[in-house]
Amino acid sequence: MNNKISTFAFKHLLKDDNTRLIHGVLKSLGISPSRNDYQDLYQEGCLLYVEAYEDFFATHSPEDLELFGPYAFRRIKWRLLDRVRKETNHQEHCKPLITVHSDEADEDTSYPDPLASNFEGEILSSAFFQELWDKCTLQEQAYLANRVAGISITKMSKMVGVSRQAIYKWRDGVIRKAKKILER
């Protein structure tokens, strides 16, 4: 990245209210200012504008400035669309921590560790979780943190370098402590 060109690209972005182009791209993608990550996407759009400016004027002359607007719009739109799709795809794979009722009909749920679903609904409560965390050993805390992150027992055992049976013992300890807290 040429520092002089980048500086000029940032100046061009701020000159004559060219930031409207980025707002237009976000609007065309259906992203409203009320969305939580709107400002992040806007900043990403500004950086993409600079990249587009550098790439465009590496092959075009300054007389082609009127062609730059549509080029930048398209390029920023497609890059931001890729980012939004990637985030959406990532979020689909992240399962929230939920409570599963102990009905026999619900046994076909697709949990990697069916016994991990025995936690009651209060695990979502921060007070309950904090009390459980405080009562757990370091190994049980590692199990709890990794399970909340959605890591399977097999993968966890490889990461930590212990057998799966050890992880199951940690799990059983967490479940036992959670049940004691819930019985009160």
C-alpha atoms as a PDB file:
ATOM      1  CA  MET A   1       0.000   0.000   0.000  1.00  0.00           C
ATOM      2  CA  ASN A   2       1.454   3.313  -1.056  1.00  0.00           C
ATOM      3  CA  ASN A   3       1.238   5.718   1.879  1.00  0.00           C
ATOM      4  CA  LYS A   4       0.882   8.812  -0.323  1.00  0.00           C
ATOM      5  CA  ILE A   5      -1.946   7.272  -2.355  1.00  0.00           C
ATOM      6  CA  SER A   6      -3.670   6.080   0.830  1.00  0.00           C
ATOM      7  CA  THR A   7      -3.539   9.563   2.317  1.00  0.00           C
ATOM      8  CA  PHE A   8      -4.957  11.034  -0.859  1.00  0.00           C
ATOM      9  CA  ALA A   9      -7.666   8.332  -0.931  1.00  0.00           C
ATOM     10  CA  PHE A  10      -8.731   9.196   2.640  1.00  0.00           C
ATOM     11  CA  LYS A  11      -8.828  12.884   1.755  1.00  0.00           C
ATOM     12  CA  HIS A  12     -10.926  12.094  -1.319  1.00  0.00           C
ATOM     13  CA  LEU A  13     -13.304  10.029   0.823  1.00  0.00           C
ATOM     14  CA  LEU A  14     -13.892  12.931   3.204  1.00  0.00           C
ATOM     15  CA  LYS A  15     -13.953  15.572   0.470  1.00  0.00           C
ATOM     16  CA  ASP A  16     -17.313  16.502  -1.059  1.00  0.00           C
ATOM     17  CA  ASP A  17     -19.117  14.146   1.308  1.00  0.00           C
ATOM     18  CA  ASN A  18     -18.048  10.974  -0.513  1.00  0.00           C
ATOM     19  CA  THR A  19     -18.947   9.033   2.637  1.00  0.00           C
ATOM     20  CA  ARG A  20     -22.506   9.074   1.273  1.00  0.00           C
ATOM     21  CA  LEU A  21     -21.359   6.335  -1.087  1.00  0.00           C
ATOM     22  CA  ILE A  22     -20.649   4.040   1.855  1.00  0.00           C
ATOM     23  CA  HIS A  23     -23.982   4.851   3.480  1.00  0.00           C
ATOM     24  CA  GLY A  24     -25.600   4.094   0.118  1.00  0.00           C
ATOM     25  CA  VAL A  25     -23.861   0.728  -0.068  1.00  0.00           C
ATOM     26  CA  LEU A  26     -25.046  -0.160   3.422  1.00  0.00           C
ATOM     27  CA  LYS A  27     -28.576   0.922   2.550  1.00  0.00           C
ATOM     28  CA  SER A  28     -28.529  -1.164  -0.630  1.00  0.00           C
ATOM     29  CA  LEU A  29     -27.551  -4.176   1.488  1.00  0.00           C
ATOM     30  CA  GLY A  30     -30.505  -3.534   3.803  1.00  0.00           C
ATOM     31  CA  ILE A  31     -28.300  -2.548   6.732  1.00  0.00           C
ATOM     32  CA  SER A  32     -29.893   0.229   8.756  1.00  0.00           C
ATOM     33  CA  PRO A  33     -28.182   2.590  11.195  1.00  0.00           C
ATOM     34  CA  SER A  34     -30.137   0.962  14.040  1.00  0.00           C
ATOM     35  CA  ARG A  35     -28.201  -2.274  13.560  1.00  0.00           C
ATOM     36  CA  ASN A  36     -25.597  -2.961  16.268  1.00  0.00           C
ATOM     37  CA  ASP A  37     -22.688  -3.396  13.878  1.00  0.00           C
ATOM     38  CA  TYR A  38     -23.590  -0.523  11.541  1.00  0.00           C
ATOM     39  CA  GLN A  39     -20.641   1.642  12.602  1.00  0.00           C
ATOM     40  CA  ASP A  40     -18.258  -1.318  12.239  1.00  0.00           C
ATOM     41  CA  LEU A  41     -19.546  -1.985   8.745  1.00  0.00           C
ATOM     42  CA  TYR A  42     -19.312   1.722   7.930  1.00  0.00           C
ATOM     43  CA  GLN A  43     -15.659   1.806   9.027  1.00  0.00           C
ATOM     44  CA  GLU A  44     -14.995  -1.349   7.017  1.00  0.00           C
ATOM     45  CA  GLY A  45     -16.606   0.395   4.047  1.00  0.00           C
ATOM     46  CA  CYS A  46     -14.285   3.379   4.478  1.00  0.00           C
ATOM     47  CA  LEU A  47     -11.240   1.107   4.414  1.00  0.00           C
ATOM     48  CA  LEU A  48     -12.612  -0.691   1.369  1.00  0.00           C
ATOM     49  CA  TYR A  49     -13.091   2.687  -0.300  1.00  0.00           C
ATOM     50  CA  VAL A  50      -9.393   3.430   0.161  1.00  0.00           C
ATOM     51  CA  GLU A  51      -8.469   0.004  -1.230  1.00  0.00           C
ATOM     52  CA  ALA A  52     -10.739   0.520  -4.210  1.00  0.00           C
ATOM     53  CA  TYR A  53      -9.256   3.961  -4.806  1.00  0.00           C
ATOM     54  CA  GLU A  54      -5.713   2.585  -4.751  1.00  0.00           C
ATOM     55  CA  ASP A  55      -6.535  -0.297  -7.087  1.00  0.00           C
ATOM     56  CA  PHE A  56      -8.589   1.811  -9.490  1.00  0.00           C
ATOM     57  CA  PHE A  57      -6.040   4.561  -9.943  1.00  0.00           C
ATOM     58  CA  ALA A  58      -3.197   2.075 -10.250  1.00  0.00           C
ATOM     59  CA  THR A  59      -4.623   1.216 -13.679  1.00  0.00           C
ATOM     60  CA  HIS A  60      -6.641   4.332 -14.578  1.00  0.00           C
ATOM     61  CA  SER A  61      -5.755   7.961 -15.051  1.00  0.00           C
ATOM     62  CA  PRO A  62      -7.172  10.782 -12.909  1.00  0.00           C
ATOM     63  CA  GLU A  63      -9.379  11.779 -15.851  1.00  0.00           C
ATOM     64  CA  ASP A  64     -11.429   8.609 -15.253  1.00  0.00           C
ATOM     65  CA  LEU A  65     -12.702   9.928 -11.917  1.00  0.00           C
ATOM     66  CA  GLU A  66     -16.378   9.681 -12.969  1.00  0.00           C
ATOM     67  CA  LEU A  67     -15.910   5.921 -13.492  1.00  0.00           C
ATOM     68  CA  PHE A  68     -14.576   5.478  -9.985  1.00  0.00           C
ATOM     69  CA  GLY A  69     -17.911   5.999  -8.166  1.00  0.00           C
ATOM     70  CA  PRO A  70     -19.726   3.014  -9.714  1.00  0.00           C
ATOM     71  CA  TYR A  71     -16.567   0.877  -9.418  1.00  0.00           C
ATOM     72  CA  ALA A  72     -16.146   1.731  -5.723  1.00  0.00           C
ATOM     73  CA  PHE A  73     -19.842   1.187  -5.007  1.00  0.00           C
ATOM     74  CA  ARG A  74     -19.786  -2.284  -6.550  1.00  0.00           C
ATOM     75  CA  ARG A  75     -16.534  -3.298  -4.915  1.00  0.00           C
ATOM     76  CA  ILE A  76     -17.504  -2.089  -1.440  1.00  0.00           C
ATOM     77  CA  LYS A  77     -20.936  -3.686  -1.761  1.00  0.00           C
ATOM     78  CA  TRP A  78     -19.569  -7.101  -2.676  1.00  0.00           C
ATOM     79  CA  ARG A  79     -16.869  -7.064  -0.009  1.00  0.00           C
ATOM     80  CA  LEU A  80     -19.292  -6.002   2.726  1.00  0.00           C
ATOM     81  CA  LEU A  81     -21.805  -8.573   1.516  1.00  0.00           C
ATOM     82  CA  ASP A  82     -19.099 -11.240   1.812  1.00  0.00           C
ATOM     83  CA  ARG A  83     -18.347 -10.115   5.361  1.00  0.00           C
ATOM     84  CA  VAL A  84     -22.008 -10.085   6.404  1.00  0.00           C
ATOM     85  CA  ARG A  85     -22.532 -13.545   4.886  1.00  0.00           C
ATOM     86  CA  LYS A  86     -19.451 -14.887   6.665  1.00  0.00           C
ATOM     87  CA  GLU A  87     -20.676 -13.536  10.004  1.00  0.00           C
ATOM     88  CA  THR A  88     -24.167 -14.934   9.428  1.00  0.00           C
ATOM     89  CA  ASN A  89     -22.720 -18.300   8.476  1.00  0.00           C
ATOM     90  CA  HIS A  90     -20.524 -18.267  11.581  1.00  0.00           C
ATOM     91  CA  GLN A  91     -23.449 -17.378  13.846  1.00  0.00           C
ATOM     92  CA  GLU A  92     -25.509 -20.254  12.437  1.00  0.00           C
ATOM     93  CA  HIS A  93     -22.835 -22.667  13.645  1.00  0.00           C
ATOM     94  CA  CYS A  94     -22.696 -21.160  17.119  1.00  0.00           C
ATOM     95  CA  LYS A  95     -25.422 -22.775  19.158  1.00  0.00           C
ATOM     96  CA  PRO A  96     -26.667 -20.861  22.173  1.00  0.00           C
ATOM     97  CA  LEU A  97     -26.701 -22.547  25.558  1.00  0.00           C
ATOM     98  CA  ILE A  98     -30.298 -23.716  25.940  1.00  0.00           C
ATOM     99  CA  THR A  99     -32.313 -25.826  28.311  1.00  0.00           C
ATOM    100  CA  VAL A 100     -33.674 -29.114  27.082  1.00  0.00           C
ATOM    101  CA  HIS A 101     -36.603 -30.579  28.951  1.00  0.00           C
ATOM    102  CA  SER A 102     -36.143 -34.137  30.122  1.00  0.00           C
ATOM    103  CA  ASP A 103     -39.062 -35.435  28.050  1.00  0.00           C
ATOM    104  CA  GLU A 104     -38.355 -38.741  26.333  1.00  0.00           C
ATOM    105  CA  ALA A 105     -39.599 -37.254  23.049  1.00  0.00           C
ATOM    106  CA  ASP A 106     -36.774 -34.706  23.047  1.00  0.00           C
ATOM    107  CA  GLU A 107     -33.985 -37.298  23.174  1.00  0.00           C
ATOM    108  CA  ASP A 108     -33.229 -37.022  19.459  1.00  0.00           C
ATOM    109  CA  THR A 109     -31.744 -33.530  19.845  1.00  0.00           C
ATOM    110  CA  SER A 110     -28.398 -33.135  18.145  1.00  0.00           C
ATOM    111  CA  TYR A 111     -26.179 -32.367  21.133  1.00  0.00           C
ATOM    112  CA  PRO A 112     -22.652 -33.746  20.861  1.00  0.00           C
ATOM    113  CA  ASP A 113     -22.796 -34.552  24.585  1.00  0.00           C
ATOM    114  CA  PRO A 114     -26.357 -35.517  25.612  1.00  0.00           C
ATOM    115  CA  LEU A 115     -25.565 -35.410  29.345  1.00  0.00           C
ATOM    116  CA  ALA A 116     -24.416 -31.797  29.048  1.00  0.00           C
ATOM    117  CA  SER A 117     -28.026 -30.829  28.394  1.00  0.00           C
ATOM    118  CA  ASN A 118     -28.968 -31.860  31.960  1.00  0.00           C
ATOM    119  CA  PHE A 119     -28.142 -28.407  33.264  1.00  0.00           C
ATOM    120  CA  GLU A 120     -31.228 -26.579  34.368  1.00  0.00           C
ATOM    121  CA  GLY A 121     -32.393 -23.295  32.892  1.00  0.00           C
ATOM    122  CA  GLU A 122     -30.749 -21.300  35.676  1.00  0.00           C
ATOM    123  CA  ILE A 123     -27.316 -21.854  34.144  1.00  0.00           C
ATOM    124  CA  LEU A 124     -28.141 -18.862  31.988  1.00  0.00           C
ATOM    125  CA  SER A 125     -28.434 -16.793  35.126  1.00  0.00           C
ATOM    126  CA  SER A 126     -25.144 -15.107  35.803  1.00  0.00           C
ATOM    127  CA  ALA A 127     -25.478 -15.520  39.568  1.00  0.00           C
ATOM    128  CA  PHE A 128     -25.984 -19.259  39.209  1.00  0.00           C
ATOM    129  CA  PHE A 129     -23.157 -19.562  36.740  1.00  0.00           C
ATOM    130  CA  GLN A 130     -20.811 -17.517  38.946  1.00  0.00           C
ATOM    131  CA  GLU A 131     -21.613 -19.662  41.984  1.00  0.00           C
ATOM    132  CA  LEU A 132     -21.072 -22.819  39.939  1.00  0.00           C
ATOM    133  CA  TRP A 133     -17.815 -21.447  38.541  1.00  0.00           C
ATOM    134  CA  ASP A 134     -16.539 -20.615  42.047  1.00  0.00           C
ATOM    135  CA  LYS A 135     -17.265 -24.139  43.305  1.00  0.00           C
ATOM    136  CA  CYS A 136     -15.560 -25.876  40.352  1.00  0.00           C
ATOM    137  CA  THR A 137     -11.941 -27.014  40.234  1.00  0.00           C
ATOM    138  CA  LEU A 138      -9.671 -25.621  37.525  1.00  0.00           C
ATOM    139  CA  GLN A 139     -10.293 -28.709  35.372  1.00  0.00           C
ATOM    140  CA  GLU A 140     -14.054 -28.419  35.809  1.00  0.00           C
ATOM    141  CA  GLN A 141     -13.853 -24.724  34.929  1.00  0.00           C
ATOM    142  CA  ALA A 142     -11.928 -25.635  31.772  1.00  0.00           C
ATOM    143  CA  TYR A 143     -14.636 -28.185  30.904  1.00  0.00           C
ATOM    144  CA  LEU A 144     -17.407 -25.659  31.553  1.00  0.00           C
ATOM    145  CA  ALA A 145     -15.776 -22.891  29.516  1.00  0.00           C
ATOM    146  CA  ASN A 146     -15.107 -25.209  26.577  1.00  0.00           C
ATOM    147  CA  ARG A 147     -18.620 -26.691  26.603  1.00  0.00           C
ATOM    148  CA  VAL A 148     -20.208 -23.245  26.694  1.00  0.00           C
ATOM    149  CA  ALA A 149     -17.999 -22.423  23.695  1.00  0.00           C
ATOM    150  CA  GLY A 150     -19.435 -25.486  21.940  1.00  0.00           C
ATOM    151  CA  ILE A 151     -16.288 -27.603  21.902  1.00  0.00           C
ATOM    152  CA  SER A 152     -16.900 -31.353  21.883  1.00  0.00           C
ATOM    153  CA  ILE A 153     -15.433 -33.639  24.521  1.00  0.00           C
ATOM    154  CA  THR A 154     -13.198 -35.363  21.964  1.00  0.00           C
ATOM    155  CA  LYS A 155     -11.782 -32.082  20.711  1.00  0.00           C
ATOM    156  CA  MET A 156     -11.430 -30.817  24.279  1.00  0.00           C
ATOM    157  CA  SER A 157      -9.447 -33.915  25.295  1.00  0.00           C
ATOM    158  CA  LYS A 158      -7.054 -33.354  22.393  1.00  0.00           C
ATOM    159  CA  MET A 159      -6.680 -29.666  23.239  1.00  0.00           C
ATOM    160  CA  VAL A 160      -6.012 -30.236  26.932  1.00  0.00           C
ATOM    161  CA  GLY A 161      -3.992 -33.416  26.404  1.00  0.00           C
ATOM    162  CA  VAL A 162      -5.993 -35.744  28.650  1.00  0.00           C
ATOM    163  CA  SER A 163      -8.230 -38.736  28.003  1.00  0.00           C
ATOM    164  CA  ARG A 164     -11.919 -38.387  27.236  1.00  0.00           C
ATOM    165  CA  GLN A 165     -12.653 -40.288  30.439  1.00  0.00           C
ATOM    166  CA  ALA A 166     -10.948 -37.498  32.418  1.00  0.00           C
ATOM    167  CA  ILE A 167     -13.133 -34.931  30.653  1.00  0.00           C
ATOM    168  CA  TYR A 168     -16.214 -37.027  31.503  1.00  0.00           C
ATOM    169  CA  LYS A 169     -15.162 -37.009  35.184  1.00  0.00           C
ATOM    170  CA  TRP A 170     -14.826 -33.217  35.054  1.00  0.00           C
ATOM    171  CA  ARG A 171     -18.266 -33.034  33.464  1.00  0.00           C
ATOM    172  CA  ASP A 172     -19.770 -35.266  36.131  1.00  0.00           C
ATOM    173  CA  GLY A 173     -18.241 -33.034  38.820  1.00  0.00           C
ATOM    174  CA  VAL A 174     -19.774 -29.933  37.211  1.00  0.00           C
ATOM    175  CA  ILE A 175     -23.171 -31.605  36.929  1.00  0.00           C
ATOM    176  CA  ARG A 176     -23.016 -32.783  40.550  1.00  0.00           C
ATOM    177  CA  LYS A 177     -22.152 -29.278  41.781  1.00  0.00           C
ATOM    178  CA  ALA A 178     -24.842 -27.706  39.615  1.00  0.00           C
ATOM    179  CA  LYS A 179     -27.470 -30.087  41.012  1.00  0.00           C
ATOM    180  CA  LYS A 180     -26.420 -29.245  44.584  1.00  0.00           C
ATOM    181  CA  ILE A 181     -26.842 -25.551  43.853  1.00  0.00           C
ATOM    182  CA  LEU A 182     -30.247 -26.161  42.270  1.00  0.00           C
ATOM    183  CA  GLU A 183     -31.466 -28.282  45.193  1.00  0.00           C
ATOM    184  CA  ARG A 184     -31.165 -25.334  47.537  1.00  0.00           C
END
